[in-house]
């Protein structure tokens, strides 16, 4: 196996690897960019756009690209946002196609999130509310006498 490793530490591509549908991103640049001396790199911008398209957070993309947050925001934020937008557009397209094709759970989700539908029920309570508030505890007999029987004096 050690004989098979190519220069640079990479394994040779097998026929299975060549036919794989999984897209492998090129390796990130290895030197960490410094804000004062950084010049925008289009290769790095393309990689950042690809990572944004995968849904990674800004912080994770900056770490993967080996750049600081200041450099990321100053030179590559637009590329990241473009990748995020492409991902969201792709997911939305698939979701709408699924919903229109009869996928009921996806359709209900889109109705709720995009059209504001909800399943809340309005419950009305009618009638008299009688509440008892006392700092002194009562026995059951006292409670019945005071609140549940009509006094003859009221009549």
C-alpha atoms as a PDB file:
ATOM      1  CA  UNK A   1       0.000   0.000   0.000  1.00  0.00           C
ATOM      2  CA  UNK A   2       2.872   2.393   0.791  1.00  0.00           C
ATOM      3  CA  UNK A   3       4.114   1.845  -2.771  1.00  0.00           C
ATOM      4  CA  UNK A   4       0.738   2.949  -4.137  1.00  0.00           C
ATOM      5  CA  UNK A   5       0.718   6.364  -2.477  1.00  0.00           C
ATOM      6  CA  UNK A   6       1.408   9.125  -4.959  1.00  0.00           C
ATOM      7  CA  UNK A   7       3.674  12.056  -4.344  1.00  0.00           C
ATOM      8  CA  UNK A   8       1.964  14.502  -1.974  1.00  0.00           C
ATOM      9  CA  UNK A   9       0.330  11.733   0.079  1.00  0.00           C
ATOM     10  CA  UNK A  10      -2.652  11.031  -2.189  1.00  0.00           C
ATOM     11  CA  UNK A  11      -3.841   7.566  -3.125  1.00  0.00           C
ATOM     12  CA  UNK A  12      -4.128   6.803  -6.848  1.00  0.00           C
ATOM     13  CA  UNK A  13      -7.609   7.036  -8.346  1.00  0.00           C
ATOM     14  CA  UNK A  14      -9.310   3.687  -8.826  1.00  0.00           C
ATOM     15  CA  UNK A  15     -11.913   3.003 -11.489  1.00  0.00           C
ATOM     16  CA  UNK A  16     -14.586   3.193  -8.777  1.00  0.00           C
ATOM     17  CA  UNK A  17     -13.369   6.659  -7.728  1.00  0.00           C
ATOM     18  CA  UNK A  18     -13.455   7.905 -11.317  1.00  0.00           C
ATOM     19  CA  UNK A  19     -17.070   6.759 -11.762  1.00  0.00           C
ATOM     20  CA  UNK A  20     -18.270   8.121  -8.425  1.00  0.00           C
ATOM     21  CA  UNK A  21     -20.930  10.823  -8.580  1.00  0.00           C
ATOM     22  CA  UNK A  22     -19.700  12.452  -5.368  1.00  0.00           C
ATOM     23  CA  UNK A  23     -18.065  15.770  -6.163  1.00  0.00           C
ATOM     24  CA  UNK A  24     -14.791  16.211  -4.310  1.00  0.00           C
ATOM     25  CA  UNK A  25     -13.692  19.763  -3.690  1.00  0.00           C
ATOM     26  CA  UNK A  26     -10.089  20.648  -4.444  1.00  0.00           C
ATOM     27  CA  UNK A  27      -7.885  21.053  -1.360  1.00  0.00           C
ATOM     28  CA  UNK A  28      -8.001  24.455   0.292  1.00  0.00           C
ATOM     29  CA  UNK A  29      -5.040  26.764   0.155  1.00  0.00           C
ATOM     30  CA  UNK A  30      -2.637  25.899   2.934  1.00  0.00           C
ATOM     31  CA  UNK A  31      -1.227  29.255   3.984  1.00  0.00           C
ATOM     32  CA  UNK A  32      -3.411  31.266   6.321  1.00  0.00           C
ATOM     33  CA  UNK A  33      -4.200  34.665   4.830  1.00  0.00           C
ATOM     34  CA  UNK A  34      -3.180  37.789   6.724  1.00  0.00           C
ATOM     35  CA  UNK A  35      -5.529  40.770   6.528  1.00  0.00           C
ATOM     36  CA  UNK A  36      -2.946  43.445   5.705  1.00  0.00           C
ATOM     37  CA  UNK A  37      -1.272  41.516   2.902  1.00  0.00           C
ATOM     38  CA  UNK A  38      -4.231  39.562   1.563  1.00  0.00           C
ATOM     39  CA  UNK A  39      -5.125  39.788  -2.101  1.00  0.00           C
ATOM     40  CA  UNK A  40      -8.400  38.272  -3.306  1.00  0.00           C
ATOM     41  CA  UNK A  41      -7.837  34.831  -4.815  1.00  0.00           C
ATOM     42  CA  UNK A  42     -10.423  33.637  -7.357  1.00  0.00           C
ATOM     43  CA  UNK A  43      -9.630  29.958  -6.688  1.00  0.00           C
ATOM     44  CA  UNK A  44     -10.304  30.482  -2.996  1.00  0.00           C
ATOM     45  CA  UNK A  45     -13.457  32.475  -3.818  1.00  0.00           C
ATOM     46  CA  UNK A  46     -14.705  29.553  -5.908  1.00  0.00           C
ATOM     47  CA  UNK A  47     -14.021  27.110  -3.075  1.00  0.00           C
ATOM     48  CA  UNK A  48     -15.818  29.381  -0.599  1.00  0.00           C
ATOM     49  CA  UNK A  49     -18.801  29.554  -2.956  1.00  0.00           C
ATOM     50  CA  UNK A  50     -18.812  25.728  -3.123  1.00  0.00           C
ATOM     51  CA  UNK A  51     -18.701  25.438   0.675  1.00  0.00           C
ATOM     52  CA  UNK A  52     -21.529  27.963   0.993  1.00  0.00           C
ATOM     53  CA  UNK A  53     -23.509  25.854  -1.474  1.00  0.00           C
ATOM     54  CA  UNK A  54     -23.089  22.900   0.894  1.00  0.00           C
ATOM     55  CA  UNK A  55     -24.739  24.879   3.708  1.00  0.00           C
ATOM     56  CA  UNK A  56     -21.740  25.373   5.977  1.00  0.00           C
ATOM     57  CA  UNK A  57     -21.774  28.319   8.375  1.00  0.00           C
ATOM     58  CA  UNK A  58     -19.627  31.410   7.769  1.00  0.00           C
ATOM     59  CA  UNK A  59     -17.319  30.483  10.637  1.00  0.00           C
ATOM     60  CA  UNK A  60     -16.823  26.929   9.392  1.00  0.00           C
ATOM     61  CA  UNK A  61     -16.101  28.151   5.862  1.00  0.00           C
ATOM     62  CA  UNK A  62     -13.536  30.646   7.168  1.00  0.00           C
ATOM     63  CA  UNK A  63     -11.844  27.881   9.176  1.00  0.00           C
ATOM     64  CA  UNK A  64     -11.847  25.497   6.197  1.00  0.00           C
ATOM     65  CA  UNK A  65     -10.415  28.239   3.976  1.00  0.00           C
ATOM     66  CA  UNK A  66      -7.813  29.037   6.644  1.00  0.00           C
ATOM     67  CA  UNK A  67      -8.667  32.727   6.656  1.00  0.00           C
ATOM     68  CA  UNK A  68      -9.702  35.019   9.467  1.00  0.00           C
ATOM     69  CA  UNK A  69     -13.192  36.387   9.834  1.00  0.00           C
ATOM     70  CA  UNK A  70     -12.083  39.886   8.815  1.00  0.00           C
ATOM     71  CA  UNK A  71     -10.572  38.610   5.554  1.00  0.00           C
ATOM     72  CA  UNK A  72     -13.639  36.442   4.985  1.00  0.00           C
ATOM     73  CA  UNK A  73     -16.047  39.355   5.413  1.00  0.00           C
ATOM     74  CA  UNK A  74     -13.913  41.809   3.447  1.00  0.00           C
ATOM     75  CA  UNK A  75     -13.005  39.682   0.413  1.00  0.00           C
ATOM     76  CA  UNK A  76     -15.251  36.602   0.256  1.00  0.00           C
ATOM     77  CA  UNK A  77     -18.600  37.276   1.923  1.00  0.00           C
ATOM     78  CA  UNK A  78     -20.317  37.903  -1.400  1.00  0.00           C
ATOM     79  CA  UNK A  79     -19.053  34.563  -2.763  1.00  0.00           C
ATOM     80  CA  UNK A  80     -20.274  32.748   0.348  1.00  0.00           C
ATOM     81  CA  UNK A  81     -23.699  34.376   0.089  1.00  0.00           C
ATOM     82  CA  UNK A  82     -23.911  33.477  -3.591  1.00  0.00           C
ATOM     83  CA  UNK A  83     -23.235  29.827  -2.699  1.00  0.00           C
ATOM     84  CA  UNK A  84     -25.868  29.940   0.063  1.00  0.00           C
ATOM     85  CA  UNK A  85     -28.389  31.422  -2.377  1.00  0.00           C
ATOM     86  CA  UNK A  86     -27.672  28.719  -4.950  1.00  0.00           C
ATOM     87  CA  UNK A  87     -28.197  26.035  -2.287  1.00  0.00           C
ATOM     88  CA  UNK A  88     -31.481  27.554  -1.136  1.00  0.00           C
ATOM     89  CA  UNK A  89     -32.707  27.937  -4.696  1.00  0.00           C
ATOM     90  CA  UNK A  90     -31.882  24.300  -5.444  1.00  0.00           C
ATOM     91  CA  UNK A  91     -33.620  23.051  -2.299  1.00  0.00           C
ATOM     92  CA  UNK A  92     -36.678  25.214  -2.937  1.00  0.00           C
ATOM     93  CA  UNK A  93     -36.918  23.962  -6.506  1.00  0.00           C
ATOM     94  CA  UNK A  94     -36.796  20.339  -5.367  1.00  0.00           C
ATOM     95  CA  UNK A  95     -39.347  20.985  -2.589  1.00  0.00           C
ATOM     96  CA  UNK A  96     -41.822  22.657  -4.948  1.00  0.00           C
ATOM     97  CA  UNK A  97     -41.403  19.874  -7.522  1.00  0.00           C
ATOM     98  CA  UNK A  98     -42.027  17.288  -4.775  1.00  0.00           C
ATOM     99  CA  UNK A  99     -45.104  19.139  -3.517  1.00  0.00           C
ATOM    100  CA  UNK A 100     -46.564  19.539  -7.003  1.00  0.00           C
ATOM    101  CA  UNK A 101     -45.864  15.864  -7.655  1.00  0.00           C
ATOM    102  CA  UNK A 102     -48.083  14.790  -4.773  1.00  0.00           C
ATOM    103  CA  UNK A 103     -45.745  14.613  -1.774  1.00  0.00           C
ATOM    104  CA  UNK A 104     -48.285  15.607   0.883  1.00  0.00           C
ATOM    105  CA  UNK A 105     -45.902  16.252   3.833  1.00  0.00           C
ATOM    106  CA  UNK A 106     -43.778  18.588   1.695  1.00  0.00           C
ATOM    107  CA  UNK A 107     -46.903  20.315   0.389  1.00  0.00           C
ATOM    108  CA  UNK A 108     -48.228  20.885   3.928  1.00  0.00           C
ATOM    109  CA  UNK A 109     -44.822  22.187   5.059  1.00  0.00           C
ATOM    110  CA  UNK A 110     -44.687  24.681   2.186  1.00  0.00           C
ATOM    111  CA  UNK A 111     -48.264  25.792   2.828  1.00  0.00           C
ATOM    112  CA  UNK A 112     -47.454  26.483   6.464  1.00  0.00           C
ATOM    113  CA  UNK A 113     -44.061  28.136   5.982  1.00  0.00           C
ATOM    114  CA  UNK A 114     -44.577  30.023   2.735  1.00  0.00           C
ATOM    115  CA  UNK A 115     -48.320  30.763   2.725  1.00  0.00           C
ATOM    116  CA  UNK A 116     -48.875  31.167   6.461  1.00  0.00           C
ATOM    117  CA  UNK A 117     -51.359  28.341   6.924  1.00  0.00           C
ATOM    118  CA  UNK A 118     -51.631  26.971  10.461  1.00  0.00           C
ATOM    119  CA  UNK A 119     -53.537  24.429  12.462  1.00  0.00           C
ATOM    120  CA  UNK A 120     -54.279  26.500  15.543  1.00  0.00           C
ATOM    121  CA  UNK A 121     -57.787  26.361  16.925  1.00  0.00           C
ATOM    122  CA  UNK A 122     -59.571  29.209  18.617  1.00  0.00           C
ATOM    123  CA  UNK A 123     -61.340  28.011  21.748  1.00  0.00           C
ATOM    124  CA  UNK A 124     -63.898  30.299  23.375  1.00  0.00           C
ATOM    125  CA  UNK A 125     -64.797  29.975  27.010  1.00  0.00           C
ATOM    126  CA  UNK A 126     -68.178  31.311  28.014  1.00  0.00           C
ATOM    127  CA  UNK A 127     -69.945  31.356  31.327  1.00  0.00           C
ATOM    128  CA  UNK A 128     -69.426  32.705  34.780  1.00  0.00           C
ATOM    129  CA  UNK A 129     -66.046  32.502  36.437  1.00  0.00           C
ATOM    130  CA  UNK A 130     -66.238  32.118  40.186  1.00  0.00           C
ATOM    131  CA  UNK A 131     -62.974  32.255  41.998  1.00  0.00           C
ATOM    132  CA  UNK A 132     -62.197  32.019  45.662  1.00  0.00           C
ATOM    133  CA  UNK A 133     -59.159  33.744  47.078  1.00  0.00           C
ATOM    134  CA  UNK A 134     -58.428  33.561  50.758  1.00  0.00           C
ATOM    135  CA  UNK A 135     -55.347  33.584  52.899  1.00  0.00           C
ATOM    136  CA  UNK A 136     -57.086  31.539  55.591  1.00  0.00           C
ATOM    137  CA  UNK A 137     -57.625  27.831  54.907  1.00  0.00           C
ATOM    138  CA  UNK A 138     -61.257  26.609  55.141  1.00  0.00           C
ATOM    139  CA  UNK A 139     -62.746  23.282  55.931  1.00  0.00           C
ATOM    140  CA  UNK A 140     -65.023  21.665  53.369  1.00  0.00           C
ATOM    141  CA  UNK A 141     -68.071  22.484  55.455  1.00  0.00           C
ATOM    142  CA  UNK A 142     -67.103  26.158  55.686  1.00  0.00           C
ATOM    143  CA  UNK A 143     -66.556  26.300  51.923  1.00  0.00           C
ATOM    144  CA  UNK A 144     -69.942  24.721  51.196  1.00  0.00           C
ATOM    145  CA  UNK A 145     -71.682  27.005  53.662  1.00  0.00           C
ATOM    146  CA  UNK A 146     -70.053  30.140  52.334  1.00  0.00           C
ATOM    147  CA  UNK A 147     -70.008  29.585  48.556  1.00  0.00           C
ATOM    148  CA  UNK A 148     -72.328  26.769  47.554  1.00  0.00           C
ATOM    149  CA  UNK A 149     -75.490  27.449  49.557  1.00  0.00           C
ATOM    150  CA  UNK A 150     -77.783  30.425  49.107  1.00  0.00           C
ATOM    151  CA  UNK A 151     -78.235  32.519  52.126  1.00  0.00           C
ATOM    152  CA  UNK A 152     -81.847  33.021  53.181  1.00  0.00           C
ATOM    153  CA  UNK A 153     -81.039  36.679  53.835  1.00  0.00           C
ATOM    154  CA  UNK A 154     -80.399  37.355  50.106  1.00  0.00           C
ATOM    155  CA  UNK A 155     -83.843  36.197  49.003  1.00  0.00           C
END
